[in-house]
Amino acid sequence: MNRDQLRQYIRTTIVKRFQQTAGNRYQEFKILNQVPDLIPILTDLLTDRFSTFVKDIDWVAPKPPTFRVILENGFSFYLSDLKRSWVAEVEGKKYYLLNLGEEERAVSAIARMLRYAAAPEEMAPTDMEATFDTGAPAGETAAEEPLTQEPEVPASEEEFEA
């Protein structure tokens, strides 16, 4: 074993140990153990404490590998690996993270999403009915009034044309 081979062996050993400790740091996200390339991308977009902002990470599509990052407030964005670069899709806009300007715009778009309130829950149909103003006192529903007059319908074509 020559000197260069020894250096390469030491470097690979150190890198493997570093990756193992970095992978174990985010135990709540199982996908990060399978795809450790996501860790530096999320770190660039959200800081190294991204686990406080992220609720879950889902694998959406196999080719190109696409991941849904669900934020704590219920909103989400997508990350796709295009081999050469990662693409972040935030609120319908795509940002190519190879370009520094687009990466900064993606970071500000994600920060804007984090400022939103929690995602609205769907209201039950009974709640929807209660929100409409019917003109009746609270707790009572307005009864439908019968039509007092029938609408006029032309009896013949002559009346219709006139």
Protein backbone atom coordinates (compact mmCIF):
# COMPACT_ATOMS: atom_id res chain seq x y z
CA MET A 1 0.00 0.00 0.00
CA ASN A 2 1.53 3.28 -1.04
CA ARG A 3 1.05 6.69 0.49
CA ASP A 4 -1.79 7.85 -1.82
CA GLN A 5 -3.78 4.69 -1.27
CA LEU A 6 -3.45 5.09 2.49
CA ARG A 7 -4.67 8.71 2.31
CA GLN A 8 -7.63 7.67 0.19
CA TYR A 9 -8.50 4.88 2.62
CA ILE A 10 -8.37 7.25 5.59
CA ARG A 11 -10.52 9.84 3.80
CA THR A 12 -13.20 7.32 2.85
CA THR A 13 -13.27 5.94 6.39
CA ILE A 14 -13.67 9.40 7.90
CA VAL A 15 -16.34 10.39 5.37
CA LYS A 16 -18.33 7.20 6.08
CA ARG A 17 -18.24 7.83 9.82
CA PHE A 18 -19.26 11.44 9.33
CA GLN A 19 -22.19 10.42 7.12
CA GLN A 20 -23.32 7.81 9.64
CA THR A 21 -23.38 10.34 12.49
CA ALA A 22 -25.08 12.95 10.30
CA GLY A 23 -27.71 10.41 9.23
CA ASN A 24 -28.47 9.44 12.83
CA ARG A 25 -28.95 13.08 13.80
CA TYR A 26 -32.40 13.23 12.17
CA GLN A 27 -34.03 10.06 13.47
CA GLU A 28 -37.57 11.42 13.07
CA PHE A 29 -37.19 11.46 9.27
CA LYS A 30 -36.61 7.90 8.07
CA ILE A 31 -36.26 9.03 4.45
CA LEU A 32 -33.05 10.92 5.30
CA ASN A 33 -31.35 7.64 6.21
CA GLN A 34 -32.22 6.28 2.75
CA VAL A 35 -31.43 9.50 0.85
CA PRO A 36 -28.68 11.39 2.71
CA ASP A 37 -28.31 13.81 -0.23
CA LEU A 38 -31.42 15.60 1.02
CA ILE A 39 -29.72 16.75 4.22
CA PRO A 40 -27.44 19.40 2.62
CA ILE A 41 -30.30 20.65 0.42
CA LEU A 42 -32.63 21.10 3.39
CA THR A 43 -29.79 22.68 5.34
CA ASP A 44 -29.24 25.21 2.55
CA LEU A 45 -32.94 26.02 2.31
CA LEU A 46 -33.95 25.99 6.00
CA THR A 47 -30.74 25.95 8.15
CA ASP A 48 -29.23 23.00 9.99
CA ARG A 49 -32.15 23.05 12.45
CA PHE A 50 -34.70 22.29 9.76
CA SER A 51 -36.29 19.57 11.89
CA THR A 52 -38.05 22.28 13.93
CA PHE A 53 -39.82 23.57 10.78
CA VAL A 54 -40.46 20.27 8.98
CA LYS A 55 -43.20 17.89 10.06
CA ASP A 56 -42.57 15.09 7.56
CA ILE A 57 -40.82 14.23 4.30
CA ASP A 58 -42.55 11.94 1.79
CA TRP A 59 -41.12 10.24 -1.26
CA VAL A 60 -43.54 11.17 -4.06
CA ALA A 61 -42.03 9.88 -7.32
CA PRO A 62 -39.15 7.53 -8.18
CA LYS A 63 -37.94 9.15 -11.43
CA PRO A 64 -36.84 11.86 -11.06
CA PRO A 65 -36.65 11.36 -7.31
CA THR A 66 -39.20 13.81 -5.95
CA PHE A 67 -39.86 14.51 -2.28
CA ARG A 68 -42.68 16.41 -0.56
CA VAL A 69 -41.50 18.40 2.44
CA ILE A 70 -44.44 19.04 4.77
CA LEU A 71 -43.98 22.04 7.05
CA GLU A 72 -45.28 22.32 10.62
CA ASN A 73 -48.12 24.63 9.55
CA GLY A 74 -49.44 22.05 7.07
CA PHE A 75 -48.14 23.63 3.86
CA SER A 76 -45.66 21.78 1.66
CA PHE A 77 -43.15 22.16 -1.14
CA TYR A 78 -41.40 19.70 -3.45
CA LEU A 79 -37.74 18.86 -4.04
CA SER A 80 -36.66 17.00 -7.19
CA ASP A 81 -33.22 15.57 -7.93
CA LEU A 82 -32.28 16.09 -11.57
CA LYS A 83 -28.77 14.56 -11.17
CA ARG A 84 -27.06 17.82 -12.11
CA SER A 85 -29.05 20.02 -9.76
CA TRP A 86 -31.95 19.98 -7.33
CA VAL A 87 -35.20 21.78 -8.14
CA ALA A 88 -37.46 23.23 -5.47
CA GLU A 89 -41.11 23.78 -6.38
CA VAL A 90 -42.62 26.24 -3.94
CA GLU A 91 -46.20 27.48 -4.40
CA GLY A 92 -46.21 26.39 -8.04
CA LYS A 93 -42.93 28.07 -9.02
CA LYS A 94 -39.79 26.10 -9.83
CA TYR A 95 -36.40 27.22 -8.55
CA TYR A 96 -33.21 25.59 -9.89
CA LEU A 97 -30.94 25.41 -6.86
CA LEU A 98 -27.76 25.35 -8.96
CA ASN A 99 -28.26 29.08 -9.52
CA LEU A 100 -27.54 31.13 -6.38
CA GLY A 101 -30.17 33.78 -7.21
CA GLU A 102 -32.89 31.19 -7.62
CA GLU A 103 -31.82 29.45 -4.44
CA GLU A 104 -32.23 32.73 -2.55
CA ARG A 105 -35.67 33.24 -4.08
CA ALA A 106 -36.62 29.69 -3.05
CA VAL A 107 -35.45 30.41 0.51
CA SER A 108 -37.55 33.58 0.67
CA ALA A 109 -40.59 31.75 -0.77
CA ILE A 110 -40.25 29.02 1.87
CA ALA A 111 -39.85 31.68 4.59
CA ARG A 112 -43.04 33.31 3.30
CA MET A 113 -44.85 29.95 3.54
CA LEU A 114 -43.65 29.49 7.10
CA ARG A 115 -45.26 32.80 8.05
CA TYR A 116 -48.70 31.57 6.97
CA ALA A 117 -51.06 30.43 9.67
CA ALA A 118 -51.90 26.77 10.00
CA ALA A 119 -53.64 25.27 6.99
CA PRO A 120 -57.42 25.71 7.31
CA GLU A 121 -59.39 22.65 8.36
CA GLU A 122 -62.38 21.76 6.23
CA MET A 123 -65.55 22.97 7.85
CA ALA A 124 -68.36 20.53 8.51
CA PRO A 125 -71.59 21.09 6.50
CA THR A 126 -73.47 22.08 9.66
CA ASP A 127 -70.90 24.78 10.35
CA MET A 128 -71.22 26.06 6.78
CA GLU A 129 -75.00 26.39 7.11
CA ALA A 130 -74.65 28.29 10.37
CA THR A 131 -72.38 30.91 8.80
CA PHE A 132 -74.94 32.10 6.22
CA ASP A 133 -77.16 35.01 7.26
CA THR A 134 -80.78 33.89 6.80
CA GLY A 135 -82.39 36.88 8.47
CA ALA A 136 -83.94 34.67 11.16
CA PRO A 137 -83.06 35.05 14.85
CA ALA A 138 -80.12 32.97 16.08
CA GLY A 139 -80.96 29.28 16.47
CA GLU A 140 -83.94 29.43 14.09
CA THR A 141 -83.96 28.81 10.38
CA ALA A 142 -85.94 30.95 8.02
CA ALA A 143 -88.86 29.09 6.50
CA GLU A 144 -89.26 29.33 2.76
CA GLU A 145 -92.13 31.55 1.73
CA PRO A 146 -94.43 30.14 -0.95
CA LEU A 147 -94.58 32.01 -4.22
CA THR A 148 -97.62 34.28 -4.30
CA GLN A 149 -97.54 34.79 -8.04
CA GLU A 150 -96.69 32.39 -10.76
CA PRO A 151 -94.33 33.72 -13.41
CA GLU A 152 -95.97 34.71 -16.65
CA VAL A 153 -95.38 32.32 -19.50
CA PRO A 154 -96.25 33.41 -23.06
CA ALA A 155 -99.22 31.41 -24.28
CA SER A 156 -98.40 31.60 -27.95
CA GLU A 157 -95.52 32.38 -30.25
CA GLU A 158 -97.02 35.79 -31.09
CA GLU A 159 -96.80 36.93 -27.49
CA PHE A 160 -93.29 35.52 -27.27
CA GLU A 161 -92.09 37.47 -30.33
CA ALA A 162 -93.71 40.70 -29.21
